[in-house]
C-alpha atoms as a PDB file:
ATOM      1  CA  UNK A   1      -0.126  -0.044  -0.050  1.00  0.00           C
ATOM      2  CA  UNK A   2       1.285   3.196  -0.895  1.00  0.00           C
ATOM      3  CA  UNK A   3       1.680   6.462   1.554  1.00  0.00           C
ATOM      4  CA  UNK A   4      -1.211   8.548   2.275  1.00  0.00           C
ATOM      5  CA  UNK A   5      -1.412  12.027   2.943  1.00  0.00           C
ATOM      6  CA  UNK A   6      -3.947  13.725   4.886  1.00  0.00           C
ATOM      7  CA  UNK A   7      -3.604  17.781   4.846  1.00  0.00           C
ATOM      8  CA  UNK A   8      -4.852  20.133   7.634  1.00  0.00           C
ATOM      9  CA  UNK A   9      -4.811  22.971   5.060  1.00  0.00           C
ATOM     10  CA  UNK A  10      -3.594  23.577   2.044  1.00  0.00           C
ATOM     11  CA  UNK A  11      -0.097  23.731   2.235  1.00  0.00           C
ATOM     12  CA  UNK A  12       0.916  23.679   6.164  1.00  0.00           C
ATOM     13  CA  UNK A  13       0.623  20.573   8.493  1.00  0.00           C
ATOM     14  CA  UNK A  14      -0.234  17.058   7.502  1.00  0.00           C
ATOM     15  CA  UNK A  15      -0.756  13.088   8.454  1.00  0.00           C
ATOM     16  CA  UNK A  16       0.825  10.367   7.365  1.00  0.00           C
ATOM     17  CA  UNK A  17      -0.083   6.960   7.570  1.00  0.00           C
ATOM     18  CA  UNK A  18       0.152   3.618   5.691  1.00  0.00           C
ATOM     19  CA  UNK A  19       3.693   3.725   6.614  1.00  0.00           C
ATOM     20  CA  UNK A  20       5.973   1.692   9.203  1.00  0.00           C
ATOM     21  CA  UNK A  21       9.086   4.152   9.831  1.00  0.00           C
ATOM     22  CA  UNK A  22      10.759   1.154  12.014  1.00  0.00           C
ATOM     23  CA  UNK A  23      11.304  -0.946   8.394  1.00  0.00           C
ATOM     24  CA  UNK A  24      13.586   0.648   5.929  1.00  0.00           C
ATOM     25  CA  UNK A  25      11.929   2.500   3.509  1.00  0.00           C
ATOM     26  CA  UNK A  26      11.165   1.843   0.191  1.00  0.00           C
ATOM     27  CA  UNK A  27      12.507   4.793  -2.742  1.00  0.00           C
ATOM     28  CA  UNK A  28       8.715   5.311  -3.247  1.00  0.00           C
ATOM     29  CA  UNK A  29       7.638   5.556   0.117  1.00  0.00           C
ATOM     30  CA  UNK A  30      10.613   7.791   1.017  1.00  0.00           C
ATOM     31  CA  UNK A  31       9.766  10.024  -2.024  1.00  0.00           C
ATOM     32  CA  UNK A  32       6.573  10.434  -1.163  1.00  0.00           C
ATOM     33  CA  UNK A  33       7.360  11.637   2.505  1.00  0.00           C
ATOM     34  CA  UNK A  34       9.913  14.074   0.499  1.00  0.00           C
ATOM     35  CA  UNK A  35       6.882  15.659  -1.834  1.00  0.00           C
ATOM     36  CA  UNK A  36       4.785  15.739   1.084  1.00  0.00           C
ATOM     37  CA  UNK A  37       7.355  17.919   3.569  1.00  0.00           C
ATOM     38  CA  UNK A  38       8.405  20.434   1.368  1.00  0.00           C
ATOM     39  CA  UNK A  39       4.689  21.244   0.859  1.00  0.00           C
ATOM     40  CA  UNK A  40       3.293  20.983   4.205  1.00  0.00           C
ATOM     41  CA  UNK A  41       6.457  21.653   6.356  1.00  0.00           C
ATOM     42  CA  UNK A  42       5.021  19.517   9.465  1.00  0.00           C
ATOM     43  CA  UNK A  43       3.983  15.792   8.945  1.00  0.00           C
ATOM     44  CA  UNK A  44       2.909  13.791  11.868  1.00  0.00           C
ATOM     45  CA  UNK A  45       3.324  10.128  11.740  1.00  0.00           C
ATOM     46  CA  UNK A  46       0.450   8.275  14.535  1.00  0.00           C
ATOM     47  CA  UNK A  47       1.397   5.018  15.770  1.00  0.00           C
ATOM     48  CA  UNK A  48       4.788   4.311  15.123  1.00  0.00           C
ATOM     49  CA  UNK A  49       6.716   2.063  17.347  1.00  0.00           C
ATOM     50  CA  UNK A  50      10.701   2.911  17.595  1.00  0.00           C
ATOM     51  CA  UNK A  51      13.914   2.406  19.456  1.00  0.00           C
ATOM     52  CA  UNK A  52      16.472   4.561  19.395  1.00  0.00           C
ATOM     53  CA  UNK A  53      18.136   2.944  16.188  1.00  0.00           C
ATOM     54  CA  UNK A  54      15.169   3.172  14.525  1.00  0.00           C
ATOM     55  CA  UNK A  55      14.513   6.590  15.360  1.00  0.00           C
ATOM     56  CA  UNK A  56      18.077   7.924  13.670  1.00  0.00           C
ATOM     57  CA  UNK A  57      17.478   5.471  10.621  1.00  0.00           C
ATOM     58  CA  UNK A  58      14.461   7.552   9.404  1.00  0.00           C
ATOM     59  CA  UNK A  59      16.154  10.915  10.388  1.00  0.00           C
ATOM     60  CA  UNK A  60      19.590   9.413   7.910  1.00  0.00           C
ATOM     61  CA  UNK A  61      17.171   9.172   5.578  1.00  0.00           C
ATOM     62  CA  UNK A  62      17.531  13.313   5.128  1.00  0.00           C
ATOM     63  CA  UNK A  63      20.888  14.787   6.445  1.00  0.00           C
ATOM     64  CA  UNK A  64      23.414  14.166   8.724  1.00  0.00           C
ATOM     65  CA  UNK A  65      22.394  14.074  12.774  1.00  0.00           C
ATOM     66  CA  UNK A  66      23.089  16.712  15.198  1.00  0.00           C
ATOM     67  CA  UNK A  67      24.194  15.679  18.180  1.00  0.00           C
ATOM     68  CA  UNK A  68      23.042  16.621  22.026  1.00  0.00           C
ATOM     69  CA  UNK A  69      24.545  19.668  23.563  1.00  0.00           C
ATOM     70  CA  UNK A  70      27.119  19.076  26.271  1.00  0.00           C
ATOM     71  CA  UNK A  71      24.922  21.560  28.445  1.00  0.00           C
ATOM     72  CA  UNK A  72      22.354  18.648  28.925  1.00  0.00           C
ATOM     73  CA  UNK A  73      24.442  15.412  30.105  1.00  0.00           C
ATOM     74  CA  UNK A  74      24.097  15.086  33.368  1.00  0.00           C
ATOM     75  CA  UNK A  75      27.602  12.900  34.502  1.00  0.00           C
ATOM     76  CA  UNK A  76      28.807  10.364  32.395  1.00  0.00           C
ATOM     77  CA  UNK A  77      25.175   8.414  31.885  1.00  0.00           C
ATOM     78  CA  UNK A  78      22.187   9.507  29.627  1.00  0.00           C
ATOM     79  CA  UNK A  79      18.712   8.430  28.736  1.00  0.00           C
ATOM     80  CA  UNK A  80      19.586   8.213  24.910  1.00  0.00           C
ATOM     81  CA  UNK A  81      22.599   8.211  22.217  1.00  0.00           C
ATOM     82  CA  UNK A  82      24.486  11.195  21.561  1.00  0.00           C
ATOM     83  CA  UNK A  83      22.320  12.109  18.721  1.00  0.00           C
ATOM     84  CA  UNK A  84      19.021  11.775  20.180  1.00  0.00           C
ATOM     85  CA  UNK A  85      17.879  15.176  22.035  1.00  0.00           C
ATOM     86  CA  UNK A  86      16.047  13.572  25.360  1.00  0.00           C
ATOM     87  CA  UNK A  87      13.797  16.568  25.766  1.00  0.00           C
ATOM     88  CA  UNK A  88      11.724  14.243  28.908  1.00  0.00           C
ATOM     89  CA  UNK A  89      11.274  15.544  32.314  1.00  0.00           C
ATOM     90  CA  UNK A  90      12.742  12.446  33.668  1.00  0.00           C
ATOM     91  CA  UNK A  91      16.222  12.266  35.276  1.00  0.00           C
ATOM     92  CA  UNK A  92      18.521   9.525  34.996  1.00  0.00           C
ATOM     93  CA  UNK A  93      17.125   7.069  37.182  1.00  0.00           C
ATOM     94  CA  UNK A  94      14.022   7.361  35.130  1.00  0.00           C
ATOM     95  CA  UNK A  95      12.218   9.602  38.039  1.00  0.00           C
ATOM     96  CA  UNK A  96       9.900  13.123  37.260  1.00  0.00           C
ATOM     97  CA  UNK A  97      12.879  15.480  37.705  1.00  0.00           C
ATOM     98  CA  UNK A  98      13.172  17.843  40.875  1.00  0.00           C
ATOM     99  CA  UNK A  99      11.807  21.589  40.374  1.00  0.00           C
ATOM    100  CA  UNK A 100      15.097  22.659  41.084  1.00  0.00           C
ATOM    101  CA  UNK A 101      16.761  20.626  38.490  1.00  0.00           C
ATOM    102  CA  UNK A 102      19.495  22.737  36.319  1.00  0.00           C
ATOM    103  CA  UNK A 103      18.579  20.780  32.922  1.00  0.00           C
ATOM    104  CA  UNK A 104      14.631  21.067  33.814  1.00  0.00           C
ATOM    105  CA  UNK A 105      15.503  25.115  34.474  1.00  0.00           C
ATOM    106  CA  UNK A 106      17.275  25.297  30.911  1.00  0.00           C
ATOM    107  CA  UNK A 107      14.457  23.642  28.839  1.00  0.00           C
ATOM    108  CA  UNK A 108      11.574  26.090  30.327  1.00  0.00           C
ATOM    109  CA  UNK A 109      12.747  28.034  27.269  1.00  0.00           C
ATOM    110  CA  UNK A 110      10.934  25.367  25.003  1.00  0.00           C
ATOM    111  CA  UNK A 111       8.052  26.965  26.132  1.00  0.00           C
ATOM    112  CA  UNK A 112       8.492  30.666  23.961  1.00  0.00           C
ATOM    113  CA  UNK A 113       8.151  30.314  20.497  1.00  0.00           C
ATOM    114  CA  UNK A 114      11.847  29.249  18.840  1.00  0.00           C
ATOM    115  CA  UNK A 115      13.125  27.300  15.966  1.00  0.00           C
ATOM    116  CA  UNK A 116      15.709  24.387  16.862  1.00  0.00           C
ATOM    117  CA  UNK A 117      19.584  25.249  17.031  1.00  0.00           C
ATOM    118  CA  UNK A 118      19.480  28.588  15.153  1.00  0.00           C
ATOM    119  CA  UNK A 119      21.900  29.290  18.066  1.00  0.00           C
ATOM    120  CA  UNK A 120      24.652  26.901  15.996  1.00  0.00           C
ATOM    121  CA  UNK A 121      26.615  27.989  13.566  1.00  0.00           C
ATOM    122  CA  UNK A 122      25.132  25.421  11.282  1.00  0.00           C
ATOM    123  CA  UNK A 123      21.483  25.404  12.391  1.00  0.00           C
ATOM    124  CA  UNK A 124      19.081  22.661  12.295  1.00  0.00           C
ATOM    125  CA  UNK A 125      17.215  21.577   8.837  1.00  0.00           C
ATOM    126  CA  UNK A 126      14.278  19.132  10.040  1.00  0.00           C
ATOM    127  CA  UNK A 127      13.755  18.006  13.798  1.00  0.00           C
ATOM    128  CA  UNK A 128      11.589  14.603  14.296  1.00  0.00           C
ATOM    129  CA  UNK A 129       9.919  14.502  17.845  1.00  0.00           C
ATOM    130  CA  UNK A 130       8.900  11.339  19.110  1.00  0.00           C
ATOM    131  CA  UNK A 131       6.296  10.543  21.849  1.00  0.00           C
ATOM    132  CA  UNK A 132       7.383   7.661  23.871  1.00  0.00           C
ATOM    133  CA  UNK A 133       5.047   8.689  26.865  1.00  0.00           C
ATOM    134  CA  UNK A 134       2.689  11.018  26.652  1.00  0.00           C
ATOM    135  CA  UNK A 135       1.422  13.203  29.603  1.00  0.00           C
ATOM    136  CA  UNK A 136      -2.518  13.587  30.368  1.00  0.00           C
ATOM    137  CA  UNK A 137      -3.458  16.950  30.140  1.00  0.00           C
ATOM    138  CA  UNK A 138      -1.039  19.272  28.471  1.00  0.00           C
ATOM    139  CA  UNK A 139       1.579  19.298  26.531  1.00  0.00           C
ATOM    140  CA  UNK A 140       0.332  20.521  23.150  1.00  0.00           C
ATOM    141  CA  UNK A 141       2.919  21.525  20.745  1.00  0.00           C
ATOM    142  CA  UNK A 142       1.969  24.505  18.358  1.00  0.00           C
ATOM    143  CA  UNK A 143       3.866  25.043  15.062  1.00  0.00           C
ATOM    144  CA  UNK A 144       3.391  28.647  13.174  1.00  0.00           C
ATOM    145  CA  UNK A 145       4.006  28.894   9.632  1.00  0.00           C
ATOM    146  CA  UNK A 146       7.065  31.059   8.805  1.00  0.00           C
ATOM    147  CA  UNK A 147       6.186  31.213   4.853  1.00  0.00           C
ATOM    148  CA  UNK A 148       2.377  32.259   5.240  1.00  0.00           C
ATOM    149  CA  UNK A 149       3.997  34.811   7.593  1.00  0.00           C
ATOM    150  CA  UNK A 150       5.922  36.030   5.268  1.00  0.00           C
ATOM    151  CA  UNK A 151       3.464  36.450   2.567  1.00  0.00           C
ATOM    152  CA  UNK A 152       1.272  38.221   4.824  1.00  0.00           C
ATOM    153  CA  UNK A 153       4.161  41.078   5.654  1.00  0.00           C
ATOM    154  CA  UNK A 154       3.698  44.741   3.580  1.00  0.00           C
ATOM    155  CA  UNK A 155       6.166  45.268   0.806  1.00  0.00           C
ATOM    156  CA  UNK A 156       7.656  47.788   2.809  1.00  0.00           C
ATOM    157  CA  UNK A 157       8.557  45.442   5.656  1.00  0.00           C
ATOM    158  CA  UNK A 158       9.442  43.027   3.587  1.00  0.00           C
ATOM    159  CA  UNK A 159      11.928  45.538   1.972  1.00  0.00           C
ATOM    160  CA  UNK A 160      13.208  46.539   5.539  1.00  0.00           C
ATOM    161  CA  UNK A 161      13.802  42.585   6.272  1.00  0.00           C
ATOM    162  CA  UNK A 162      15.885  42.238   2.867  1.00  0.00           C
ATOM    163  CA  UNK A 163      19.485  41.468   3.729  1.00  0.00           C
ATOM    164  CA  UNK A 164      18.679  41.672   7.434  1.00  0.00           C
ATOM    165  CA  UNK A 165      20.860  39.296  10.075  1.00  0.00           C
ATOM    166  CA  UNK A 166      20.431  38.291  13.418  1.00  0.00           C
ATOM    167  CA  UNK A 167      22.558  37.305  16.636  1.00  0.00           C
ATOM    168  CA  UNK A 168      21.349  34.170  17.922  1.00  0.00           C
ATOM    169  CA  UNK A 169      22.417  32.829  20.960  1.00  0.00           C
ATOM    170  CA  UNK A 170      21.502  30.309  23.205  1.00  0.00           C
ATOM    171  CA  UNK A 171      21.817  32.691  26.447  1.00  0.00           C
ATOM    172  CA  UNK A 172      19.696  34.855  24.766  1.00  0.00           C
ATOM    173  CA  UNK A 173      16.756  32.670  24.554  1.00  0.00           C
ATOM    174  CA  UNK A 174      17.486  31.219  28.478  1.00  0.00           C
ATOM    175  CA  UNK A 175      17.632  35.169  29.562  1.00  0.00           C
ATOM    176  CA  UNK A 176      14.035  35.286  28.273  1.00  0.00           C
ATOM    177  CA  UNK A 177      12.836  32.808  31.344  1.00  0.00           C
ATOM    178  CA  UNK A 178      15.523  33.835  33.918  1.00  0.00           C
ATOM    179  CA  UNK A 179      18.128  31.334  33.620  1.00  0.00           C
ATOM    180  CA  UNK A 180      21.826  32.526  33.559  1.00  0.00           C
ATOM    181  CA  UNK A 181      23.682  29.837  35.083  1.00  0.00           C
ATOM    182  CA  UNK A 182      26.200  28.978  32.847  1.00  0.00           C
ATOM    183  CA  UNK A 183      29.862  28.282  33.440  1.00  0.00           C
ATOM    184  CA  UNK A 184      33.126  29.806  31.736  1.00  0.00           C
ATOM    185  CA  UNK A 185      33.147  26.617  29.401  1.00  0.00           C
ATOM    186  CA  UNK A 186      29.645  26.414  28.569  1.00  0.00           C
ATOM    187  CA  UNK A 187      29.670  30.063  27.296  1.00  0.00           C
ATOM    188  CA  UNK A 188      32.831  29.682  25.002  1.00  0.00           C
ATOM    189  CA  UNK A 189      30.958  26.665  23.992  1.00  0.00           C
ATOM    190  CA  UNK A 190      28.261  28.289  22.460  1.00  0.00           C
ATOM    191  CA  UNK A 191      29.023  31.532  21.164  1.00  0.00           C
ATOM    192  CA  UNK A 192      26.490  33.724  19.210  1.00  0.00           C
ATOM    193  CA  UNK A 193      26.311  33.272  15.265  1.00  0.00           C
ATOM    194  CA  UNK A 194      24.682  35.470  12.595  1.00  0.00           C
ATOM    195  CA  UNK A 195      21.468  34.176  10.640  1.00  0.00           C
ATOM    196  CA  UNK A 196      19.595  35.819   8.049  1.00  0.00           C
ATOM    197  CA  UNK A 197      16.004  37.255   8.910  1.00  0.00           C
ATOM    198  CA  UNK A 198      14.609  36.049   6.082  1.00  0.00           C
ATOM    199  CA  UNK A 199      15.080  32.855   4.167  1.00  0.00           C
ATOM    200  CA  UNK A 200      14.482  30.882   0.965  1.00  0.00           C
ATOM    201  CA  UNK A 201      13.921  27.551   1.125  1.00  0.00           C
ATOM    202  CA  UNK A 202      15.194  25.887  -1.975  1.00  0.00           C
ATOM    203  CA  UNK A 203      12.973  22.533  -2.473  1.00  0.00           C
ATOM    204  CA  UNK A 204       9.487  25.146  -2.771  1.00  0.00           C
ATOM    205  CA  UNK A 205      11.314  28.176  -3.556  1.00  0.00           C
ATOM    206  CA  UNK A 206       9.275  30.156  -0.852  1.00  0.00           C
ATOM    207  CA  UNK A 207      10.896  32.892   1.572  1.00  0.00           C
ATOM    208  CA  UNK A 208      10.036  32.592   4.898  1.00  0.00           C
ATOM    209  CA  UNK A 209      10.869  34.696   8.323  1.00  0.00           C
ATOM    210  CA  UNK A 210      13.118  33.231  10.224  1.00  0.00           C
ATOM    211  CA  UNK A 211      13.449  34.914  13.794  1.00  0.00           C
ATOM    212  CA  UNK A 212      13.043  33.524  17.378  1.00  0.00           C
ATOM    213  CA  UNK A 213      13.575  33.503  20.892  1.00  0.00           C
ATOM    214  CA  UNK A 214      16.969  32.553  20.012  1.00  0.00           C
ATOM    215  CA  UNK A 215      17.307  36.370  18.231  1.00  0.00           C
ATOM    216  CA  UNK A 216      20.104  38.743  21.034  1.00  0.00           C
ATOM    217  CA  UNK A 217      20.125  41.376  19.063  1.00  0.00           C
ATOM    218  CA  UNK A 218      19.853  42.473  14.899  1.00  0.00           C
ATOM    219  CA  UNK A 219      23.016  43.501  13.134  1.00  0.00           C
ATOM    220  CA  UNK A 220      23.024  47.084  12.378  1.00  0.00           C
ATOM    221  CA  UNK A 221      20.623  48.540  14.532  1.00  0.00           C
ATOM    222  CA  UNK A 222      20.301  50.060  18.279  1.00  0.00           C
ATOM    223  CA  UNK A 223      19.473  46.939  20.646  1.00  0.00           C
ATOM    224  CA  UNK A 224      15.786  48.435  21.692  1.00  0.00           C
ATOM    225  CA  UNK A 225      14.789  48.653  17.558  1.00  0.00           C
ATOM    226  CA  UNK A 226      16.121  45.835  17.179  1.00  0.00           C
ATOM    227  CA  UNK A 227      14.464  43.948  19.831  1.00  0.00           C
ATOM    228  CA  UNK A 228      10.936  45.330  18.750  1.00  0.00           C
ATOM    229  CA  UNK A 229      11.407  44.659  15.162  1.00  0.00           C
ATOM    230  CA  UNK A 230      11.880  40.787  16.625  1.00  0.00           C
ATOM    231  CA  UNK A 231       9.046  41.227  19.093  1.00  0.00           C
ATOM    232  CA  UNK A 232       7.081  42.565  16.316  1.00  0.00           C
ATOM    233  CA  UNK A 233       7.376  39.738  13.736  1.00  0.00           C
ATOM    234  CA  UNK A 234       6.863  37.159  16.148  1.00  0.00           C
ATOM    235  CA  UNK A 235       3.585  38.296  17.072  1.00  0.00           C
ATOM    236  CA  UNK A 236       2.999  38.548  13.748  1.00  0.00           C
ATOM    237  CA  UNK A 237       3.939  34.836  12.679  1.00  0.00           C
ATOM    238  CA  UNK A 238       2.011  33.335  15.523  1.00  0.00           C
ATOM    239  CA  UNK A 239      -1.294  34.925  14.986  1.00  0.00           C
ATOM    240  CA  UNK A 240      -3.869  32.355  15.148  1.00  0.00           C
ATOM    241  CA  UNK A 241      -4.235  31.894  11.012  1.00  0.00           C
ATOM    242  CA  UNK A 242      -0.443  30.927  10.915  1.00  0.00           C
ATOM    243  CA  UNK A 243      -0.812  28.606  13.773  1.00  0.00           C
ATOM    244  CA  UNK A 244      -1.692  24.798  14.108  1.00  0.00           C
ATOM    245  CA  UNK A 245      -1.590  22.728  17.941  1.00  0.00           C
ATOM    246  CA  UNK A 246      -0.762  19.787  17.971  1.00  0.00           C
ATOM    247  CA  UNK A 247      -2.130  17.274  20.489  1.00  0.00           C
ATOM    248  CA  UNK A 248       0.274  14.542  21.045  1.00  0.00           C
ATOM    249  CA  UNK A 249      -0.840  10.831  21.334  1.00  0.00           C
ATOM    250  CA  UNK A 250       1.387   7.955  22.067  1.00  0.00           C
ATOM    251  CA  UNK A 251       3.808   6.918  20.049  1.00  0.00           C
ATOM    252  CA  UNK A 252       3.220  10.103  17.193  1.00  0.00           C
ATOM    253  CA  UNK A 253       6.620  11.270  15.154  1.00  0.00           C
ATOM    254  CA  UNK A 254       6.314  14.412  14.307  1.00  0.00           C
ATOM    255  CA  UNK A 255       8.907  16.214  11.811  1.00  0.00           C
ATOM    256  CA  UNK A 256       9.155  19.622  10.488  1.00  0.00           C
ATOM    257  CA  UNK A 257      11.163  21.945   8.735  1.00  0.00           C
ATOM    258  CA  UNK A 258      12.931  23.890  11.282  1.00  0.00           C
ATOM    259  CA  UNK A 259      13.676  26.711   8.180  1.00  0.00           C
ATOM    260  CA  UNK A 260       9.951  27.769   8.074  1.00  0.00           C
ATOM    261  CA  UNK A 261       8.806  27.160  11.154  1.00  0.00           C
ATOM    262  CA  UNK A 262       8.684  28.345  14.953  1.00  0.00           C
ATOM    263  CA  UNK A 263       7.397  26.088  17.369  1.00  0.00           C
ATOM    264  CA  UNK A 264       6.635  26.050  21.285  1.00  0.00           C
ATOM    265  CA  UNK A 265       5.399  23.491  23.424  1.00  0.00           C
ATOM    266  CA  UNK A 266       2.902  24.200  25.875  1.00  0.00           C
ATOM    267  CA  UNK A 267       2.947  24.045  29.492  1.00  0.00           C
ATOM    268  CA  UNK A 268       1.824  20.723  31.278  1.00  0.00           C
ATOM    269  CA  UNK A 269       1.989  19.629  35.029  1.00  0.00           C
ATOM    270  CA  UNK A 270       5.813  18.079  34.703  1.00  0.00           C
ATOM    271  CA  UNK A 271       6.113  17.630  38.811  1.00  0.00           C
ATOM    272  CA  UNK A 272       3.382  15.324  38.345  1.00  0.00           C
ATOM    273  CA  UNK A 273       2.922  13.841  35.053  1.00  0.00           C
ATOM    274  CA  UNK A 274       5.710  11.913  33.409  1.00  0.00           C
ATOM    275  CA  UNK A 275       6.266  12.521  29.409  1.00  0.00           C
ATOM    276  CA  UNK A 276       9.016  11.072  27.189  1.00  0.00           C
ATOM    277  CA  UNK A 277       9.987  12.773  24.192  1.00  0.00           C
ATOM    278  CA  UNK A 278      12.915  12.577  22.056  1.00  0.00           C
ATOM    279  CA  UNK A 279      14.625  14.365  19.437  1.00  0.00           C
ATOM    280  CA  UNK A 280      16.751  12.722  16.372  1.00  0.00           C
ATOM    281  CA  UNK A 281      17.909  16.443  14.451  1.00  0.00           C
ATOM    282  CA  UNK A 282      19.209  16.824  11.154  1.00  0.00           C
ATOM    283  CA  UNK A 283      21.479  19.506  10.081  1.00  0.00           C
ATOM    284  CA  UNK A 284      21.797  21.725   7.508  1.00  0.00           C
ATOM    285  CA  UNK A 285      23.869  22.183   4.757  1.00  0.00           C
ATOM    286  CA  UNK A 286      25.494  25.108   5.895  1.00  0.00           C
ATOM    287  CA  UNK A 287      24.765  28.446   7.756  1.00  0.00           C
ATOM    288  CA  UNK A 288      21.922  30.839   6.948  1.00  0.00           C
ATOM    289  CA  UNK A 289      24.220  33.524   6.123  1.00  0.00           C
ATOM    290  CA  UNK A 290      26.544  31.469   3.578  1.00  0.00           C
ATOM    291  CA  UNK A 291      23.370  29.994   2.144  1.00  0.00           C
ATOM    292  CA  UNK A 292      22.757  33.737   1.256  1.00  0.00           C
ATOM    293  CA  UNK A 293      25.715  34.807   0.078  1.00  0.00           C
ATOM    294  CA  UNK A 294      25.899  37.171   2.756  1.00  0.00           C
ATOM    295  CA  UNK A 295      29.528  37.616   4.510  1.00  0.00           C
ATOM    296  CA  UNK A 296      30.015  38.507   7.896  1.00  0.00           C
ATOM    297  CA  UNK A 297      33.108  40.280   8.842  1.00  0.00           C
ATOM    298  CA  UNK A 298      34.906  40.051  12.396  1.00  0.00           C
ATOM    299  CA  UNK A 299      32.926  43.198  13.624  1.00  0.00           C
ATOM    300  CA  UNK A 300      29.311  41.501  13.525  1.00  0.00           C
ATOM    301  CA  UNK A 301      28.838  43.711  10.136  1.00  0.00           C
ATOM    302  CA  UNK A 302      26.930  42.470   7.312  1.00  0.00           C
ATOM    303  CA  UNK A 303      27.908  42.517   3.917  1.00  0.00           C
ATOM    304  CA  UNK A 304      26.630  41.219   1.048  1.00  0.00           C
END
């Protein structure tokens, strides 16, 4: 049976059926998934039963895999392999994390609108989040279509954004939730990086906003003006007409294009309910400025 695709809208968010991601994919099925993905940007694969190796094997069809950040490592043990980000509320003993757990406090920033790994020089291209255990109440994930948000901008705003570059950093997004407890070694390992504010998606040719809570400042702008611009763009992109909310079911795998979406996790009672979701992430081909032909000099000045 061939893959079936059930869209939620004409070009954003779809469910995919008649596919078992635990098995090696037939080339025709993989091609069908890719075609749907470049159109809808977010795909949901219900009722998948994956171990870590199978999760990673599916992700590897789309490019090189990221490895988890050192700031999320607890000692020499880990619940997941290096290529799978553990986004659960569980500690290394499989118990619910304490309220003051350092990793829990850092991950509160995941409730802000963001795009994965824009704070890395080479950001994420595709994220694949798998729901092993789901809280019965809350914890939905919202997705914003940044292509549609860009299309809806005024011509004046589109011209203003043309060629603009923002500085992204891990510290910037964590500061928004009041977390600043970074070691000097962590600061060195996670320096700010430049990313364009508008991207063109090669597979579709569509332009997309590329902003998120990781933005620290806009290059070439006074800080207040840049902050106001970023806040305005995020507010614009997260209007109801651009957003789809996913209510998780156990064994859902959700796959999204980080180049043209933002997302955030909604709150749930993480001191009461177990929630075990894990992410494999595919790296982009290069920094977004490099892809756009924009050079950033040592003084953090953008020049085409």
